Amino acid sequence: MEVDLYGLFEWSLHVTIPMALYIIYSIIKNIKEATKMKETARTEWDTKQLQEDFTVQSFLAPIVFVTRKKDGVSGTMDFTHSPRVYFNWRASNE
């Protein structure tokens, strides 16, 4: 039995090239989305910004217990007194 290696190679190119291009496209798209999210996501909040994004439940210095307004997720943040900065948002695992 003779195998047509050229035909097999040609067939594999038709199958693998579109698949490889789709994988590359997906990777680039995910990198762009992650970069955009990182650029728009806050890592520190002042008091006014905290009130916009979270509802404060209670304080136990240096931690504040909050609920994120956009999705209702509860969690904690650290804060400093002077200047008053909130940071290190952590969702609780309920």
C-alpha atoms as a PDB file:
ATOM      1  CA  MET A   1       0.000   0.000   0.000  1.00  0.00           C
ATOM      2  CA  GLU A   2       1.390   3.327  -1.049  1.00  0.00           C
ATOM      3  CA  VAL A   3       0.821   6.422   1.092  1.00  0.00           C
ATOM      4  CA  ASP A   4       0.496   9.824  -0.529  1.00  0.00           C
ATOM      5  CA  LEU A   5       2.655  11.827   1.881  1.00  0.00           C
ATOM      6  CA  TYR A   6       2.239  15.045  -0.068  1.00  0.00           C
ATOM      7  CA  GLY A   7      -1.545  14.718   0.072  1.00  0.00           C
ATOM      8  CA  LEU A   8      -1.411  13.942   3.775  1.00  0.00           C
ATOM      9  CA  PHE A   9       0.840  16.958   4.374  1.00  0.00           C
ATOM     10  CA  GLU A  10      -1.447  19.179   2.302  1.00  0.00           C
ATOM     11  CA  TRP A  11      -4.510  17.961   4.236  1.00  0.00           C
ATOM     12  CA  SER A  12      -2.807  18.562   7.605  1.00  0.00           C
ATOM     13  CA  LEU A  13      -1.972  22.123   6.562  1.00  0.00           C
ATOM     14  CA  HIS A  14      -5.623  22.778   5.739  1.00  0.00           C
ATOM     15  CA  VAL A  15      -6.629  21.526   9.173  1.00  0.00           C
ATOM     16  CA  THR A  16      -3.849  22.813  11.412  1.00  0.00           C
ATOM     17  CA  ILE A  17      -3.261  26.302  10.024  1.00  0.00           C
ATOM     18  CA  PRO A  18      -6.814  27.565  10.694  1.00  0.00           C
ATOM     19  CA  MET A  19      -6.708  25.915  14.121  1.00  0.00           C
ATOM     20  CA  ALA A  20      -3.358  27.516  14.930  1.00  0.00           C
ATOM     21  CA  LEU A  21      -4.594  30.910  13.735  1.00  0.00           C
ATOM     22  CA  TYR A  22      -7.701  30.588  15.901  1.00  0.00           C
ATOM     23  CA  ILE A  23      -5.574  29.726  18.946  1.00  0.00           C
ATOM     24  CA  ILE A  24      -3.278  32.690  18.292  1.00  0.00           C
ATOM     25  CA  TYR A  25      -6.303  34.975  17.811  1.00  0.00           C
ATOM     26  CA  SER A  26      -7.808  33.742  21.098  1.00  0.00           C
ATOM     27  CA  ILE A  27      -4.573  34.338  22.993  1.00  0.00           C
ATOM     28  CA  ILE A  28      -4.200  37.869  21.618  1.00  0.00           C
ATOM     29  CA  LYS A  29      -7.858  38.642  22.381  1.00  0.00           C
ATOM     30  CA  ASN A  30      -7.474  37.427  25.984  1.00  0.00           C
ATOM     31  CA  ILE A  31      -4.308  39.476  26.461  1.00  0.00           C
ATOM     32  CA  LYS A  32      -6.055  42.603  25.146  1.00  0.00           C
ATOM     33  CA  GLU A  33      -9.063  42.030  27.432  1.00  0.00           C
ATOM     34  CA  ALA A  34      -6.840  41.438  30.464  1.00  0.00           C
ATOM     35  CA  THR A  35      -4.839  44.582  29.697  1.00  0.00           C
ATOM     36  CA  LYS A  36      -8.026  46.621  29.337  1.00  0.00           C
ATOM     37  CA  MET A  37      -9.391  45.266  32.629  1.00  0.00           C
ATOM     38  CA  LYS A  38      -6.116  46.006  34.391  1.00  0.00           C
ATOM     39  CA  GLU A  39      -6.109  49.575  33.064  1.00  0.00           C
ATOM     40  CA  THR A  40      -9.673  50.229  34.238  1.00  0.00           C
ATOM     41  CA  ALA A  41      -9.558  48.283  37.524  1.00  0.00           C
ATOM     42  CA  ARG A  42      -8.723  50.195  40.662  1.00  0.00           C
ATOM     43  CA  THR A  43      -6.204  48.879  43.116  1.00  0.00           C
ATOM     44  CA  GLU A  44      -6.566  51.754  45.583  1.00  0.00           C
ATOM     45  CA  TRP A  45      -9.581  53.794  46.640  1.00  0.00           C
ATOM     46  CA  ASP A  46      -9.980  57.036  48.555  1.00  0.00           C
ATOM     47  CA  THR A  47     -13.065  57.446  50.758  1.00  0.00           C
ATOM     48  CA  LYS A  48     -15.247  58.881  47.993  1.00  0.00           C
ATOM     49  CA  GLN A  49     -14.246  56.150  45.517  1.00  0.00           C
ATOM     50  CA  LEU A  50     -14.836  53.471  48.145  1.00  0.00           C
ATOM     51  CA  GLN A  51     -18.370  54.768  48.724  1.00  0.00           C
ATOM     52  CA  GLU A  52     -19.025  54.668  44.957  1.00  0.00           C
ATOM     53  CA  ASP A  53     -17.935  51.041  44.532  1.00  0.00           C
ATOM     54  CA  PHE A  54     -18.672  49.449  47.934  1.00  0.00           C
ATOM     55  CA  THR A  55     -21.071  49.508  50.861  1.00  0.00           C
ATOM     56  CA  VAL A  56     -19.160  49.548  54.132  1.00  0.00           C
ATOM     57  CA  GLN A  57     -20.411  46.974  56.651  1.00  0.00           C
ATOM     58  CA  SER A  58     -17.966  47.559  59.531  1.00  0.00           C
ATOM     59  CA  PHE A  59     -14.432  48.535  60.486  1.00  0.00           C
ATOM     60  CA  LEU A  60     -11.903  46.595  62.534  1.00  0.00           C
ATOM     61  CA  ALA A  61      -8.667  48.516  61.992  1.00  0.00           C
ATOM     62  CA  PRO A  62      -6.758  48.022  59.778  1.00  0.00           C
ATOM     63  CA  ILE A  63      -9.501  46.080  57.965  1.00  0.00           C
ATOM     64  CA  VAL A  64     -12.842  47.213  56.583  1.00  0.00           C
ATOM     65  CA  PHE A  65     -15.640  44.777  55.753  1.00  0.00           C
ATOM     66  CA  VAL A  66     -17.459  45.751  52.566  1.00  0.00           C
ATOM     67  CA  THR A  67     -19.945  44.594  49.935  1.00  0.00           C
ATOM     68  CA  ARG A  68     -19.169  45.362  46.292  1.00  0.00           C
ATOM     69  CA  LYS A  69     -22.139  47.223  44.790  1.00  0.00           C
ATOM     70  CA  LYS A  70     -21.861  45.927  41.223  1.00  0.00           C
ATOM     71  CA  ASP A  71     -22.403  42.271  42.137  1.00  0.00           C
ATOM     72  CA  GLY A  72     -23.128  42.044  45.875  1.00  0.00           C
ATOM     73  CA  VAL A  73     -19.929  40.156  46.700  1.00  0.00           C
ATOM     74  CA  SER A  74     -18.789  40.594  50.314  1.00  0.00           C
ATOM     75  CA  GLY A  75     -15.152  40.908  51.242  1.00  0.00           C
ATOM     76  CA  THR A  76     -12.493  42.838  53.085  1.00  0.00           C
ATOM     77  CA  MET A  77     -10.016  45.576  52.347  1.00  0.00           C
ATOM     78  CA  ASP A  78      -7.041  47.001  54.191  1.00  0.00           C
ATOM     79  CA  PHE A  79      -6.732  50.702  54.862  1.00  0.00           C
ATOM     80  CA  THR A  80      -4.341  53.302  56.197  1.00  0.00           C
ATOM     81  CA  HIS A  81      -5.397  56.199  58.405  1.00  0.00           C
ATOM     82  CA  SER A  82      -3.296  59.035  57.045  1.00  0.00           C
ATOM     83  CA  PRO A  83      -3.681  59.400  54.175  1.00  0.00           C
ATOM     84  CA  ARG A  84      -6.942  57.439  54.158  1.00  0.00           C
ATOM     85  CA  VAL A  85      -6.410  54.873  51.407  1.00  0.00           C
ATOM     86  CA  TYR A  86      -8.232  51.567  50.956  1.00  0.00           C
ATOM     87  CA  PHE A  87      -6.494  48.722  49.134  1.00  0.00           C
ATOM     88  CA  ASN A  88      -6.035  44.947  48.820  1.00  0.00           C
ATOM     89  CA  TRP A  89      -9.656  43.989  48.010  1.00  0.00           C
ATOM     90  CA  ARG A  90     -10.304  40.335  48.857  1.00  0.00           C
ATOM     91  CA  ALA A  91     -13.616  38.580  48.178  1.00  0.00           C
ATOM     92  CA  SER A  92     -14.726  36.314  50.995  1.00  0.00           C
ATOM     93  CA  ASN A  93     -15.294  32.629  50.297  1.00  0.00           C
ATOM     94  CA  GLU A  94     -18.819  32.139  51.564  1.00  0.00           C
END
